[in-house]
Amino acid sequence: MEILSDSIIGSSSSINEKILRYEHFVENVLKNDLEKVSKQYEEICEQITDYNNIKSTIETINRDQLKTMKTMNDIGSNCYVQCVM
Protein backbone atom coordinates (compact mmCIF):
# COMPACT_ATOMS: atom_id res chain seq x y z
CA MET A 1 0.00 0.00 0.00
CA GLU A 2 2.87 2.38 0.76
CA ILE A 3 4.41 1.84 -2.69
CA LEU A 4 1.15 2.80 -4.38
CA SER A 5 0.70 5.96 -2.31
CA ASP A 6 4.35 6.98 -2.93
CA SER A 7 3.88 6.70 -6.70
CA ILE A 8 0.67 8.74 -6.53
CA ILE A 9 2.43 11.47 -4.52
CA GLY A 10 5.37 11.40 -6.91
CA SER A 11 3.16 11.75 -9.96
CA SER A 12 1.21 14.52 -8.26
CA SER A 13 4.35 16.59 -7.77
CA SER A 14 5.34 15.85 -11.38
CA ILE A 15 1.95 17.11 -12.56
CA ASN A 16 2.32 20.25 -10.42
CA GLU A 17 5.76 20.89 -11.95
CA LYS A 18 4.32 20.54 -15.45
CA ILE A 19 1.46 22.89 -14.58
CA LEU A 20 3.95 25.47 -13.28
CA ARG A 21 6.04 25.15 -16.47
CA TYR A 22 2.95 25.66 -18.65
CA GLU A 23 1.80 28.62 -16.55
CA HIS A 24 5.27 30.16 -16.86
CA PHE A 25 5.23 29.60 -20.63
CA VAL A 26 1.80 31.19 -21.01
CA GLU A 27 2.64 34.18 -18.80
CA ASN A 28 6.15 34.92 -20.07
CA VAL A 29 6.13 33.78 -23.69
CA LEU A 30 2.62 33.67 -25.12
CA LYS A 31 1.37 36.87 -23.48
CA ASN A 32 4.45 38.79 -24.66
CA ASP A 33 3.99 37.42 -28.18
CA LEU A 34 0.31 38.40 -28.10
CA GLU A 35 1.19 41.97 -27.08
CA LYS A 36 3.72 42.26 -29.93
CA VAL A 37 1.27 40.91 -32.49
CA SER A 38 -1.50 43.19 -31.20
CA LYS A 39 0.74 46.26 -31.59
CA GLN A 40 1.70 45.19 -35.11
CA TYR A 41 -1.98 44.67 -35.95
CA GLU A 42 -2.86 48.17 -34.73
CA GLU A 43 -0.04 49.70 -36.77
CA ILE A 44 -1.20 47.86 -39.89
CA CYS A 45 -4.79 49.00 -39.33
CA GLU A 46 -3.59 52.62 -39.05
CA GLN A 47 -1.63 52.26 -42.28
CA ILE A 48 -4.65 50.79 -44.07
CA THR A 49 -6.77 53.72 -42.87
CA ASP A 50 -4.17 56.18 -44.17
CA TYR A 51 -3.99 54.41 -47.54
CA ASN A 52 -7.79 54.38 -47.83
CA ASN A 53 -7.86 58.12 -47.15
CA ILE A 54 -5.25 58.72 -49.84
CA LYS A 55 -7.17 56.49 -52.26
CA SER A 56 -10.38 58.41 -51.57
CA THR A 57 -8.64 61.73 -52.17
CA ILE A 58 -7.13 60.54 -55.44
CA GLU A 59 -10.51 59.20 -56.60
CA THR A 60 -12.14 62.55 -55.78
CA ILE A 61 -9.48 64.45 -57.70
CA ASN A 62 -9.84 62.16 -60.73
CA ARG A 63 -13.64 62.05 -60.65
CA ASP A 64 -14.11 65.80 -60.35
CA GLN A 65 -11.07 66.64 -62.48
CA LEU A 66 -9.93 69.12 -59.88
CA LYS A 67 -7.05 71.48 -60.58
CA THR A 68 -6.80 72.63 -56.95
CA MET A 69 -8.26 71.35 -53.73
CA LYS A 70 -8.32 72.53 -50.10
CA THR A 71 -7.72 69.93 -47.41
CA MET A 72 -7.04 69.73 -43.70
CA ASN A 73 -3.99 67.62 -42.90
CA ASP A 74 -2.93 66.24 -39.53
CA ILE A 75 0.72 67.11 -38.95
CA GLY A 76 0.86 65.14 -35.71
CA SER A 77 -0.71 65.16 -32.26
CA ASN A 78 -4.08 66.06 -33.82
CA CYS A 79 -2.70 69.39 -35.01
CA TYR A 80 -4.27 70.24 -38.39
CA VAL A 81 -3.21 72.66 -41.09
CA GLN A 82 -5.14 73.78 -44.14
CA CYS A 83 -3.47 72.89 -47.42
CA VAL A 84 -4.13 73.86 -51.00
CA MET A 85 -3.15 71.24 -53.49
PDB file of N, CA and C in Angstrom:
ATOM      1  N   MET A   1       0.818  -1.194   0.000  1.00  0.00           N
ATOM      2  CA  MET A   1       0.000   0.000   0.000  1.00  0.00           C
ATOM      3  C   MET A   1       0.861   1.257   0.000  1.00  0.00           C
ATOM      4  N   GLU A   2       1.985   1.214   0.696  1.00  0.00           N
ATOM      5  CA  GLU A   2       2.867   2.375   0.756  1.00  0.00           C
ATOM      6  C   GLU A   2       3.479   2.670  -0.610  1.00  0.00           C
ATOM      7  N   ILE A   3       3.801   1.649  -1.373  1.00  0.00           N
ATOM      8  CA  ILE A   3       4.407   1.837  -2.691  1.00  0.00           C
ATOM      9  C   ILE A   3       3.427   2.563  -3.605  1.00  0.00           C
ATOM     10  N   LEU A   4       2.178   2.174  -3.543  1.00  0.00           N
ATOM     11  CA  LEU A   4       1.155   2.795  -4.378  1.00  0.00           C
ATOM     12  C   LEU A   4       0.967   4.264  -4.007  1.00  0.00           C
ATOM     13  N   SER A   5       0.895   4.571  -2.720  1.00  0.00           N
ATOM     14  CA  SER A   5       0.697   5.963  -2.310  1.00  0.00           C
ATOM     15  C   SER A   5       1.923   6.807  -2.631  1.00  0.00           C
ATOM     16  N   ASP A   6       3.142   6.248  -2.568  1.00  0.00           N
ATOM     17  CA  ASP A   6       4.349   6.985  -2.929  1.00  0.00           C
ATOM     18  C   ASP A   6       4.345   7.332  -4.415  1.00  0.00           C
ATOM     19  N   SER A   7       3.898   6.408  -5.260  1.00  0.00           N
ATOM     20  CA  SER A   7       3.877   6.701  -6.696  1.00  0.00           C
ATOM     21  C   SER A   7       2.812   7.735  -7.028  1.00  0.00           C
ATOM     22  N   ILE A   8       1.715   7.729  -6.311  1.00  0.00           N
ATOM     23  CA  ILE A   8       0.672   8.739  -6.527  1.00  0.00           C
ATOM     24  C   ILE A   8       1.183  10.108  -6.114  1.00  0.00           C
ATOM     25  N   ILE A   9       1.868  10.196  -4.986  1.00  0.00           N
ATOM     26  CA  ILE A   9       2.426  11.472  -4.523  1.00  0.00           C
ATOM     27  C   ILE A   9       3.493  11.955  -5.493  1.00  0.00           C
ATOM     28  N   GLY A  10       4.323  11.042  -5.963  1.00  0.00           N
ATOM     29  CA  GLY A  10       5.370  11.400  -6.915  1.00  0.00           C
ATOM     30  C   GLY A  10       4.786  11.923  -8.207  1.00  0.00           C
ATOM     31  N   SER A  11       3.763  11.291  -8.716  1.00  0.00           N
ATOM     32  CA  SER A  11       3.160  11.753  -9.961  1.00  0.00           C
ATOM     33  C   SER A  11       2.417  13.070  -9.758  1.00  0.00           C
ATOM     34  N   SER A  12       1.889  13.275  -8.569  1.00  0.00           N
ATOM     35  CA  SER A  12       1.205  14.521  -8.264  1.00  0.00           C
ATOM     36  C   SER A  12       2.178  15.691  -8.297  1.00  0.00           C
ATOM     37  N   SER A  13       3.368  15.511  -7.742  1.00  0.00           N
ATOM     38  CA  SER A  13       4.352  16.592  -7.772  1.00  0.00           C
ATOM     39  C   SER A  13       4.855  16.799  -9.194  1.00  0.00           C
ATOM     40  N   SER A  14       4.945  15.728  -9.978  1.00  0.00           N
ATOM     41  CA  SER A  14       5.338  15.848 -11.375  1.00  0.00           C
ATOM     42  C   SER A  14       4.293  16.634 -12.158  1.00  0.00           C
ATOM     43  N   ILE A  15       3.044  16.383 -11.897  1.00  0.00           N
ATOM     44  CA  ILE A  15       1.954  17.109 -12.556  1.00  0.00           C
ATOM     45  C   ILE A  15       2.003  18.577 -12.154  1.00  0.00           C
ATOM     46  N   ASN A  16       2.234  18.861 -10.876  1.00  0.00           N
ATOM     47  CA  ASN A  16       2.323  20.248 -10.418  1.00  0.00           C
ATOM     48  C   ASN A  16       3.488  20.980 -11.086  1.00  0.00           C
ATOM     49  N   GLU A  17       4.609  20.286 -11.271  1.00  0.00           N
ATOM     50  CA  GLU A  17       5.759  20.890 -11.948  1.00  0.00           C
ATOM     51  C   GLU A  17       5.412  21.220 -13.403  1.00  0.00           C
ATOM     52  N   LYS A  18       4.724  20.293 -14.063  1.00  0.00           N
ATOM     53  CA  LYS A  18       4.321  20.543 -15.449  1.00  0.00           C
ATOM     54  C   LYS A  18       3.348  21.712 -15.538  1.00  0.00           C
ATOM     55  N   ILE A  19       2.425  21.785 -14.604  1.00  0.00           N
ATOM     56  CA  ILE A  19       1.465  22.887 -14.582  1.00  0.00           C
ATOM     57  C   ILE A  19       2.197  24.211 -14.409  1.00  0.00           C
ATOM     58  N   LEU A  20       3.172  24.245 -13.504  1.00  0.00           N
ATOM     59  CA  LEU A  20       3.946  25.466 -13.283  1.00  0.00           C
ATOM     60  C   LEU A  20       4.731  25.853 -14.532  1.00  0.00           C
ATOM     61  N   ARG A  21       5.302  24.867 -15.237  1.00  0.00           N
ATOM     62  CA  ARG A  21       6.040  25.152 -16.467  1.00  0.00           C
ATOM     63  C   ARG A  21       5.108  25.731 -17.528  1.00  0.00           C
ATOM     64  N   TYR A  22       3.913  25.150 -17.670  1.00  0.00           N
ATOM     65  CA  TYR A  22       2.948  25.660 -18.647  1.00  0.00           C
ATOM     66  C   TYR A  22       2.474  27.067 -18.271  1.00  0.00           C
ATOM     67  N   GLU A  23       2.218  27.291 -16.993  1.00  0.00           N
ATOM     68  CA  GLU A  23       1.804  28.623 -16.552  1.00  0.00           C
ATOM     69  C   GLU A  23       2.897  29.650 -16.851  1.00  0.00           C
ATOM     70  N   HIS A  24       4.142  29.284 -16.574  1.00  0.00           N
ATOM     71  CA  HIS A  24       5.270  30.163 -16.856  1.00  0.00           C
ATOM     72  C   HIS A  24       5.352  30.446 -18.358  1.00  0.00           C
ATOM     73  N   PHE A  25       5.181  29.436 -19.181  1.00  0.00           N
ATOM     74  CA  PHE A  25       5.226  29.597 -20.633  1.00  0.00           C
ATOM     75  C   PHE A  25       4.125  30.536 -21.117  1.00  0.00           C
ATOM     76  N   VAL A  26       2.933  30.350 -20.604  1.00  0.00           N
ATOM     77  CA  VAL A  26       1.801  31.194 -21.012  1.00  0.00           C
ATOM     78  C   VAL A  26       2.053  32.641 -20.584  1.00  0.00           C
ATOM     79  N   GLU A  27       2.459  32.832 -19.333  1.00  0.00           N
ATOM     80  CA  GLU A  27       2.645  34.183 -18.802  1.00  0.00           C
ATOM     81  C   GLU A  27       3.814  34.910 -19.448  1.00  0.00           C
ATOM     82  N   ASN A  28       4.927  34.238 -19.630  1.00  0.00           N
ATOM     83  CA  ASN A  28       6.147  34.920 -20.071  1.00  0.00           C
ATOM     84  C   ASN A  28       6.393  34.873 -21.568  1.00  0.00           C
ATOM     85  N   VAL A  29       5.874  33.894 -22.257  1.00  0.00           N
ATOM     86  CA  VAL A  29       6.129  33.776 -23.685  1.00  0.00           C
ATOM     87  C   VAL A  29       4.902  34.154 -24.501  1.00  0.00           C
ATOM     88  N   LEU A  30       3.804  33.455 -24.286  1.00  0.00           N
ATOM     89  CA  LEU A  30       2.621  33.668 -25.116  1.00  0.00           C
ATOM     90  C   LEU A  30       2.014  35.057 -24.937  1.00  0.00           C
ATOM     91  N   LYS A  31       1.954  35.543 -23.702  1.00  0.00           N
ATOM     92  CA  LYS A  31       1.370  36.871 -23.481  1.00  0.00           C
ATOM     93  C   LYS A  31       2.233  37.957 -24.104  1.00  0.00           C
ATOM     94  N   ASN A  32       3.562  37.816 -24.019  1.00  0.00           N
ATOM     95  CA  ASN A  32       4.450  38.789 -24.664  1.00  0.00           C
ATOM     96  C   ASN A  32       4.281  38.757 -26.179  1.00  0.00           C
ATOM     97  N   ASP A  33       4.197  37.556 -26.735  1.00  0.00           N
ATOM     98  CA  ASP A  33       3.991  37.423 -28.178  1.00  0.00           C
ATOM     99  C   ASP A  33       2.660  38.043 -28.595  1.00  0.00           C
ATOM    100  N   LEU A  34       1.626  37.832 -27.800  1.00  0.00           N
ATOM    101  CA  LEU A  34       0.311  38.401 -28.101  1.00  0.00           C
ATOM    102  C   LEU A  34       0.363  39.923 -28.092  1.00  0.00           C
ATOM    103  N   GLU A  35       1.063  40.521 -27.131  1.00  0.00           N
ATOM    104  CA  GLU A  35       1.186  41.972 -27.080  1.00  0.00           C
ATOM    105  C   GLU A  35       1.897  42.503 -28.320  1.00  0.00           C
ATOM    106  N   LYS A  36       2.977  41.837 -28.740  1.00  0.00           N
ATOM    107  CA  LYS A  36       3.719  42.264 -29.928  1.00  0.00           C
ATOM    108  C   LYS A  36       2.840  42.192 -31.170  1.00  0.00           C
ATOM    109  N   VAL A  37       2.128  41.093 -31.327  1.00  0.00           N
ATOM    110  CA  VAL A  37       1.267  40.914 -32.494  1.00  0.00           C
ATOM    111  C   VAL A  37       0.118  41.922 -32.475  1.00  0.00           C
ATOM    112  N   SER A  38      -0.418  42.211 -31.311  1.00  0.00           N
ATOM    113  CA  SER A  38      -1.503  43.190 -31.201  1.00  0.00           C
ATOM    114  C   SER A  38      -1.021  44.577 -31.621  1.00  0.00           C
ATOM    115  N   LYS A  39       0.191  44.963 -31.193  1.00  0.00           N
ATOM    116  CA  LYS A  39       0.742  46.258 -31.592  1.00  0.00           C
ATOM    117  C   LYS A  39       0.964  46.312 -33.101  1.00  0.00           C
ATOM    118  N   GLN A  40       1.482  45.238 -33.669  1.00  0.00           N
ATOM    119  CA  GLN A  40       1.698  45.186 -35.112  1.00  0.00           C
ATOM    120  C   GLN A  40       0.370  45.290 -35.849  1.00  0.00           C
ATOM    121  N   TYR A  41      -0.651  44.621 -35.342  1.00  0.00           N
ATOM    122  CA  TYR A  41      -1.983  44.666 -35.949  1.00  0.00           C
ATOM    123  C   TYR A  41      -2.523  46.099 -35.942  1.00  0.00           C
ATOM    124  N   GLU A  42      -2.384  46.795 -34.819  1.00  0.00           N
ATOM    125  CA  GLU A  42      -2.864  48.173 -34.725  1.00  0.00           C
ATOM    126  C   GLU A  42      -2.135  49.074 -35.707  1.00  0.00           C
ATOM    127  N   GLU A  43      -0.810  48.889 -35.838  1.00  0.00           N
ATOM    128  CA  GLU A  43      -0.040  49.696 -36.775  1.00  0.00           C
ATOM    129  C   GLU A  43      -0.489  49.444 -38.212  1.00  0.00           C
ATOM    130  N   ILE A  44      -0.736  48.197 -38.543  1.00  0.00           N
ATOM    131  CA  ILE A  44      -1.195  47.857 -39.893  1.00  0.00           C
ATOM    132  C   ILE A  44      -2.575  48.457 -40.151  1.00  0.00           C
ATOM    133  N   CYS A  45      -3.450  48.406 -39.168  1.00  0.00           N
ATOM    134  CA  CYS A  45      -4.787  49.001 -39.332  1.00  0.00           C
ATOM    135  C   CYS A  45      -4.689  50.507 -39.558  1.00  0.00           C
ATOM    136  N   GLU A  46      -3.785  51.180 -38.851  1.00  0.00           N
ATOM    137  CA  GLU A  46      -3.585  52.616 -39.051  1.00  0.00           C
ATOM    138  C   GLU A  46      -3.076  52.899 -40.462  1.00  0.00           C
ATOM    139  N   GLN A  47      -2.155  52.073 -40.933  1.00  0.00           N
ATOM    140  CA  GLN A  47      -1.628  52.256 -42.283  1.00  0.00           C
ATOM    141  C   GLN A  47      -2.724  52.058 -43.326  1.00  0.00           C
ATOM    142  N   ILE A  48      -3.551  51.053 -43.133  1.00  0.00           N
ATOM    143  CA  ILE A  48      -4.648  50.786 -44.065  1.00  0.00           C
ATOM    144  C   ILE A  48      -5.601  51.977 -44.097  1.00  0.00           C
ATOM    145  N   THR A  49      -5.900  52.547 -42.934  1.00  0.00           N
ATOM    146  CA  THR A  49      -6.768  53.721 -42.870  1.00  0.00           C
ATOM    147  C   THR A  49      -6.150  54.881 -43.634  1.00  0.00           C
ATOM    148  N   ASP A  50      -4.852  55.101 -43.446  1.00  0.00           N
ATOM    149  CA  ASP A  50      -4.168  56.176 -44.167  1.00  0.00           C
ATOM    150  C   ASP A  50      -4.226  55.947 -45.674  1.00  0.00           C
ATOM    151  N   TYR A  51      -3.958  54.720 -46.105  1.00  0.00           N
ATOM    152  CA  TYR A  51      -3.990  54.409 -47.540  1.00  0.00           C
ATOM    153  C   TYR A  51      -5.397  54.572 -48.118  1.00  0.00           C
ATOM    154  N   ASN A  52      -6.409  54.192 -47.356  1.00  0.00           N
ATOM    155  CA  ASN A  52      -7.787  54.375 -47.831  1.00  0.00           C
ATOM    156  C   ASN A  52      -8.127  55.855 -47.970  1.00  0.00           C
ATOM    157  N   ASN A  53      -7.633  56.681 -47.039  1.00  0.00           N
ATOM    158  CA  ASN A  53      -7.863  58.123 -47.146  1.00  0.00           C
ATOM    159  C   ASN A  53      -7.183  58.694 -48.384  1.00  0.00           C
ATOM    160  N   ILE A  54      -5.971  58.259 -48.642  1.00  0.00           N
ATOM    161  CA  ILE A  54      -5.254  58.720 -49.835  1.00  0.00           C
ATOM    162  C   ILE A  54      -5.991  58.271 -51.095  1.00  0.00           C
ATOM    163  N   LYS A  55      -6.438  57.021 -51.100  1.00  0.00           N
ATOM    164  CA  LYS A  55      -7.175  56.493 -52.258  1.00  0.00           C
ATOM    165  C   LYS A  55      -8.434  57.312 -52.506  1.00  0.00           C
ATOM    166  N   SER A  56      -9.149  57.630 -51.448  1.00  0.00           N
ATOM    167  CA  SER A  56     -10.377  58.411 -51.572  1.00  0.00           C
ATOM    168  C   SER A  56     -10.083  59.801 -52.136  1.00  0.00           C
ATOM    169  N   THR A  57      -9.017  60.407 -51.673  1.00  0.00           N
ATOM    170  CA  THR A  57      -8.635  61.731 -52.168  1.00  0.00           C
ATOM    171  C   THR A  57      -8.289  61.679 -53.649  1.00  0.00           C
ATOM    172  N   ILE A  58      -7.512  60.686 -54.025  1.00  0.00           N
ATOM    173  CA  ILE A  58      -7.126  60.543 -55.439  1.00  0.00           C
ATOM    174  C   ILE A  58      -8.355  60.289 -56.305  1.00  0.00           C
ATOM    175  N   GLU A  59      -9.281  59.466 -55.843  1.00  0.00           N
ATOM    176  CA  GLU A  59     -10.508  59.204 -56.602  1.00  0.00           C
ATOM    177  C   GLU A  59     -11.329  60.476 -56.765  1.00  0.00           C
ATOM    178  N   THR A  60     -11.397  61.289 -55.706  1.00  0.00           N
ATOM    179  CA  THR A  60     -12.144  62.547 -55.778  1.00  0.00           C
ATOM    180  C   THR A  60     -11.505  63.488 -56.797  1.00  0.00           C
ATOM    181  N   ILE A  61     -10.192  63.592 -56.755  1.00  0.00           N
ATOM    182  CA  ILE A  61      -9.479  64.453 -57.704  1.00  0.00           C
ATOM    183  C   ILE A  61      -9.731  63.983 -59.127  1.00  0.00           C
ATOM    184  N   ASN A  62      -9.629  62.706 -59.378  1.00  0.00           N
ATOM    185  CA  ASN A  62      -9.836  62.161 -60.726  1.00  0.00           C
ATOM    186  C   ASN A  62     -11.289  62.302 -61.186  1.00  0.00           C
ATOM    187  N   ARG A  63     -12.224  62.013 -60.292  1.00  0.00           N
ATOM    188  CA  ARG A  63     -13.637  62.046 -60.653  1.00  0.00           C
ATOM    189  C   ARG A  63     -14.088  63.462 -60.987  1.00  0.00           C
ATOM    190  N   ASP A  64     -13.660  64.413 -60.158  1.00  0.00           N
ATOM    191  CA  ASP A  64     -14.113  65.800 -60.350  1.00  0.00           C
ATOM    192  C   ASP A  64     -13.158  66.606 -61.213  1.00  0.00           C
ATOM    193  N   GLN A  65     -12.091  65.990 -61.653  1.00  0.00           N
ATOM    194  CA  GLN A  65     -11.071  66.639 -62.478  1.00  0.00           C
ATOM    195  C   GLN A  65     -10.649  67.974 -61.872  1.00  0.00           C
ATOM    196  N   LEU A  66     -10.290  67.909 -60.616  1.00  0.00           N
ATOM    197  CA  LEU A  66      -9.926  69.115 -59.876  1.00  0.00           C
ATOM    198  C   LEU A  66      -8.517  69.576 -60.231  1.00  0.00           C
ATOM    199  N   LYS A  67      -8.376  70.887 -60.361  1.00  0.00           N
ATOM    200  CA  LYS A  67      -7.051  71.476 -60.577  1.00  0.00           C
ATOM    201  C   LYS A  67      -6.425  71.837 -59.231  1.00  0.00           C
ATOM    202  N   THR A  68      -7.254  72.324 -58.309  1.00  0.00           N
ATOM    203  CA  THR A  68      -6.795  72.627 -56.950  1.00  0.00           C
ATOM    204  C   THR A  68      -7.818  72.077 -55.962  1.00  0.00           C
ATOM    205  N   MET A  69      -7.376  71.901 -54.745  1.00  0.00           N
ATOM    206  CA  MET A  69      -8.257  71.348 -53.726  1.00  0.00           C
ATOM    207  C   MET A  69      -7.752  71.784 -52.354  1.00  0.00           C
ATOM    208  N   LYS A  70      -8.678  72.182 -51.471  1.00  0.00           N
ATOM    209  CA  LYS A  70      -8.319  72.529 -50.100  1.00  0.00           C
ATOM    210  C   LYS A  70      -8.555  71.317 -49.209  1.00  0.00           C
ATOM    211  N   THR A  71      -7.588  71.058 -48.352  1.00  0.00           N
ATOM    212  CA  THR A  71      -7.715  69.930 -47.414  1.00  0.00           C
ATOM    213  C   THR A  71      -7.216  70.353 -46.043  1.00  0.00           C
ATOM    214  N   MET A  72      -7.581  69.575 -45.049  1.00  0.00           N
ATOM    215  CA  MET A  72      -7.042  69.727 -43.697  1.00  0.00           C
ATOM    216  C   MET A  72      -6.171  68.496 -43.445  1.00  0.00           C
ATOM    217  N   ASN A  73      -4.911  68.731 -43.121  1.00  0.00           N
ATOM    218  CA  ASN A  73      -3.985  67.620 -42.903  1.00  0.00           C
ATOM    219  C   ASN A  73      -3.489  67.613 -41.464  1.00  0.00           C
ATOM    220  N   ASP A  74      -3.446  66.436 -40.887  1.00  0.00           N
ATOM    221  CA  ASP A  74      -2.930  66.243 -39.530  1.00  0.00           C
ATOM    222  C   ASP A  74      -1.411  66.181 -39.608  1.00  0.00           C
ATOM    223  N   ILE A  75      -0.741  67.113 -38.938  1.00  0.00           N
ATOM    224  CA  ILE A  75       0.722  67.114 -38.953  1.00  0.00           C
ATOM    225  C   ILE A  75       1.291  66.483 -37.686  1.00  0.00           C
ATOM    226  N   GLY A  76       0.432  65.849 -36.911  1.00  0.00           N
ATOM    227  CA  GLY A  76       0.863  65.143 -35.710  1.00  0.00           C
ATOM    228  C   GLY A  76       0.171  65.689 -34.470  1.00  0.00           C
ATOM    229  N   SER A  77      -0.075  64.811 -33.547  1.00  0.00           N
ATOM    230  CA  SER A  77      -0.711  65.159 -32.261  1.00  0.00           C
ATOM    231  C   SER A  77      -2.041  65.880 -32.477  1.00  0.00           C
ATOM    232  N   ASN A  78      -2.789  65.459 -33.481  1.00  0.00           N
ATOM    233  CA  ASN A  78      -4.080  66.055 -33.821  1.00  0.00           C
ATOM    234  C   ASN A  78      -3.989  67.551 -34.074  1.00  0.00           C
ATOM    235  N   CYS A  79      -2.881  68.001 -34.606  1.00  0.00           N
ATOM    236  CA  CYS A  79      -2.698  69.391 -35.011  1.00  0.00           C
ATOM    237  C   CYS A  79      -2.889  69.446 -36.526  1.00  0.00           C
ATOM    238  N   TYR A  80      -3.896  70.197 -36.969  1.00  0.00           N
ATOM    239  CA  TYR A  80      -4.271  70.243 -38.388  1.00  0.00           C
ATOM    240  C   TYR A  80      -3.865  71.553 -39.023  1.00  0.00           C
ATOM    241  N   VAL A  81      -3.503  71.475 -40.290  1.00  0.00           N
ATOM    242  CA  VAL A  81      -3.211  72.656 -41.092  1.00  0.00           C
ATOM    243  C   VAL A  81      -4.032  72.577 -42.367  1.00  0.00           C
ATOM    244  N   GLN A  82      -4.407  73.742 -42.891  1.00  0.00           N
ATOM    245  CA  GLN A  82      -5.142  73.782 -44.141  1.00  0.00           C
ATOM    246  C   GLN A  82      -4.141  73.817 -45.287  1.00  0.00           C
ATOM    247  N   CYS A  83      -4.376  72.988 -46.272  1.00  0.00           N
ATOM    248  CA  CYS A  83      -3.466  72.893 -47.422  1.00  0.00           C
ATOM    249  C   CYS A  83      -4.246  73.118 -48.697  1.00  0.00           C
ATOM    250  N   VAL A  84      -3.572  73.712 -49.664  1.00  0.00           N
ATOM    251  CA  VAL A  84      -4.132  73.858 -50.995  1.00  0.00           C
ATOM    252  C   VAL A  84      -3.258  73.022 -51.908  1.00  0.00           C
ATOM    253  N   MET A  85      -3.898  72.123 -52.605  1.00  0.00           N
ATOM    254  CA  MET A  85      -3.150  71.239 -53.491  1.00  0.00           C
ATOM    255  C   MET A  85      -3.511  71.557 -54.923  1.00  0.00           C
TER     256      MET A  85
END
